[in-house]
Amino acid sequence: MSKAKAKAKQVKGKIKESVGSAMDDQRMQAEGRAEQMGGKAEEMVSKAGDKMKKAGRKS
């Protein structure tokens, strides 16, 4: 997954968490937080892949 898609997933999760908070819906809040964490993990994987590619080019 690209970094842009990972960031979009984080934003979507933040919105879902905020809506859940406004509606006092704990399940929606939890889903939003989980989506944010998934997006952050995907972003980290993407960044690690980019670093591996750069390291391979320098060798």
N, C-alpha and C. Protein backbone atom coordinates (compact mmCIF):
# COMPACT_ATOMS: atom_id res chain seq x y z
N MET A 1 0.85 -1.18 0.00
CA MET A 1 0.00 0.00 0.00
C MET A 1 0.89 1.24 0.00
N SER A 2 0.46 2.24 -0.71
CA SER A 2 1.24 3.47 -0.79
C SER A 2 1.08 4.29 0.48
N LYS A 3 2.02 5.20 0.66
CA LYS A 3 1.96 6.08 1.83
C LYS A 3 0.70 6.95 1.78
N ALA A 4 0.30 7.37 0.59
CA ALA A 4 -0.89 8.22 0.45
C ALA A 4 -2.15 7.46 0.88
N LYS A 5 -2.26 6.21 0.48
CA LYS A 5 -3.43 5.41 0.87
C LYS A 5 -3.42 5.15 2.37
N ALA A 6 -2.24 4.95 2.93
CA ALA A 6 -2.12 4.72 4.37
C ALA A 6 -2.55 5.97 5.13
N LYS A 7 -2.14 7.14 4.66
CA LYS A 7 -2.54 8.40 5.28
C LYS A 7 -4.06 8.60 5.17
N ALA A 8 -4.62 8.25 4.02
CA ALA A 8 -6.07 8.38 3.82
C ALA A 8 -6.82 7.47 4.79
N LYS A 9 -6.28 6.28 5.02
CA LYS A 9 -6.90 5.36 5.97
C LYS A 9 -6.86 5.93 7.39
N GLN A 10 -5.77 6.60 7.72
CA GLN A 10 -5.65 7.23 9.03
C GLN A 10 -6.67 8.35 9.19
N VAL A 11 -6.84 9.16 8.15
CA VAL A 11 -7.80 10.27 8.20
C VAL A 11 -9.22 9.71 8.32
N LYS A 12 -9.53 8.69 7.55
CA LYS A 12 -10.84 8.07 7.61
C LYS A 12 -11.11 7.55 9.03
N GLY A 13 -10.12 6.93 9.63
CA GLY A 13 -10.26 6.42 10.99
C GLY A 13 -10.47 7.54 12.00
N LYS A 14 -9.78 8.65 11.81
CA LYS A 14 -9.93 9.80 12.72
C LYS A 14 -11.35 10.36 12.61
N ILE A 15 -11.85 10.45 11.40
CA ILE A 15 -13.22 10.95 11.20
C ILE A 15 -14.21 10.00 11.86
N LYS A 16 -14.03 8.71 11.64
CA LYS A 16 -14.93 7.72 12.23
C LYS A 16 -14.89 7.79 13.75
N GLU A 17 -13.69 7.96 14.30
CA GLU A 17 -13.56 8.08 15.75
C GLU A 17 -14.28 9.34 16.25
N SER A 18 -14.13 10.45 15.55
CA SER A 18 -14.78 11.70 15.94
C SER A 18 -16.30 11.60 15.87
N VAL A 19 -16.81 11.00 14.81
CA VAL A 19 -18.26 10.82 14.68
C VAL A 19 -18.76 9.92 15.79
N GLY A 20 -18.04 8.86 16.07
CA GLY A 20 -18.42 7.96 17.15
C GLY A 20 -18.45 8.67 18.49
N SER A 21 -17.51 9.55 18.70
CA SER A 21 -17.46 10.32 19.94
C SER A 21 -18.66 11.27 20.03
N ALA A 22 -18.97 11.94 18.93
CA ALA A 22 -20.10 12.87 18.90
C ALA A 22 -21.43 12.15 19.12
N MET A 23 -21.50 10.92 18.62
CA MET A 23 -22.74 10.14 18.75
C MET A 23 -22.74 9.26 20.00
N ASP A 24 -21.68 9.34 20.78
CA ASP A 24 -21.51 8.50 21.97
C ASP A 24 -21.60 7.01 21.61
N ASP A 25 -20.95 6.66 20.49
CA ASP A 25 -20.94 5.28 20.00
C ASP A 25 -19.53 4.72 20.20
N GLN A 26 -19.35 3.95 21.26
CA GLN A 26 -18.03 3.43 21.60
C GLN A 26 -17.50 2.46 20.56
N ARG A 27 -18.39 1.70 19.93
CA ARG A 27 -17.95 0.75 18.90
C ARG A 27 -17.34 1.50 17.71
N MET A 28 -18.02 2.57 17.28
CA MET A 28 -17.52 3.34 16.15
C MET A 28 -16.19 4.01 16.51
N GLN A 29 -16.07 4.49 17.74
CA GLN A 29 -14.82 5.09 18.19
C GLN A 29 -13.68 4.07 18.11
N ALA A 30 -13.96 2.86 18.59
CA ALA A 30 -12.94 1.80 18.58
C ALA A 30 -12.57 1.42 17.16
N GLU A 31 -13.56 1.33 16.28
CA GLU A 31 -13.28 1.01 14.87
C GLU A 31 -12.41 2.10 14.25
N GLY A 32 -12.70 3.35 14.58
CA GLY A 32 -11.90 4.46 14.06
C GLY A 32 -10.46 4.40 14.53
N ARG A 33 -10.29 4.12 15.83
CA ARG A 33 -8.92 4.02 16.36
C ARG A 33 -8.18 2.85 15.71
N ALA A 34 -8.88 1.73 15.53
CA ALA A 34 -8.24 0.57 14.89
C ALA A 34 -7.84 0.89 13.45
N GLU A 35 -8.70 1.60 12.75
CA GLU A 35 -8.39 1.97 11.37
C GLU A 35 -7.18 2.90 11.32
N GLN A 36 -7.11 3.83 12.26
CA GLN A 36 -5.95 4.73 12.33
C GLN A 36 -4.66 3.93 12.55
N MET A 37 -4.71 3.00 13.48
CA MET A 37 -3.52 2.21 13.78
C MET A 37 -3.11 1.36 12.57
N GLY A 38 -4.10 0.80 11.87
CA GLY A 38 -3.80 0.04 10.66
C GLY A 38 -3.13 0.92 9.62
N GLY A 39 -3.63 2.13 9.46
CA GLY A 39 -3.03 3.07 8.51
C GLY A 39 -1.60 3.43 8.89
N LYS A 40 -1.38 3.62 10.19
CA LYS A 40 -0.03 3.94 10.66
C LYS A 40 0.92 2.77 10.40
N ALA A 41 0.45 1.56 10.64
CA ALA A 41 1.28 0.38 10.40
C ALA A 41 1.62 0.25 8.91
N GLU A 42 0.62 0.47 8.06
CA GLU A 42 0.86 0.39 6.62
C GLU A 42 1.82 1.47 6.16
N GLU A 43 1.73 2.65 6.76
CA GLU A 43 2.65 3.73 6.41
C GLU A 43 4.08 3.36 6.81
N MET A 44 4.24 2.76 7.97
CA MET A 44 5.58 2.35 8.42
C MET A 44 6.16 1.29 7.50
N VAL A 45 5.34 0.35 7.06
CA VAL A 45 5.80 -0.70 6.15
C VAL A 45 6.23 -0.07 4.83
N SER A 46 5.45 0.89 4.35
CA SER A 46 5.78 1.56 3.10
C SER A 46 7.10 2.33 3.22
N LYS A 47 7.28 3.03 4.34
CA LYS A 47 8.52 3.77 4.56
C LYS A 47 9.71 2.82 4.64
N ALA A 48 9.53 1.68 5.31
CA ALA A 48 10.63 0.70 5.41
C ALA A 48 10.98 0.17 4.03
N GLY A 49 9.97 -0.08 3.21
CA GLY A 49 10.22 -0.54 1.85
C GLY A 49 10.98 0.49 1.04
N ASP A 50 10.63 1.76 1.21
CA ASP A 50 11.34 2.83 0.51
C ASP A 50 12.81 2.87 0.93
N LYS A 51 13.05 2.71 2.22
CA LYS A 51 14.43 2.72 2.72
C LYS A 51 15.21 1.54 2.17
N MET A 52 14.56 0.39 2.06
CA MET A 52 15.23 -0.79 1.52
C MET A 52 15.60 -0.56 0.05
N LYS A 53 14.69 0.05 -0.69
CA LYS A 53 14.96 0.33 -2.10
C LYS A 53 16.13 1.29 -2.24
N LYS A 54 16.16 2.34 -1.39
CA LYS A 54 17.25 3.31 -1.44
C LYS A 54 18.58 2.65 -1.07
N ALA A 55 18.55 1.79 -0.08
CA ALA A 55 19.77 1.11 0.34
C ALA A 55 20.29 0.20 -0.77
N GLY A 56 19.37 -0.42 -1.50
CA GLY A 56 19.75 -1.30 -2.60
C GLY A 56 20.38 -0.54 -3.74
N ARG A 57 19.94 0.67 -3.98
CA ARG A 57 20.49 1.49 -5.07
C ARG A 57 21.88 2.01 -4.75
N LYS A 58 22.15 2.23 -3.46
CA LYS A 58 23.46 2.76 -3.05
C LYS A 58 24.54 1.72 -3.12
N SER A 59 24.17 0.45 -3.04
CA SER A 59 25.17 -0.62 -3.02
C SER A 59 25.79 -0.84 -4.36
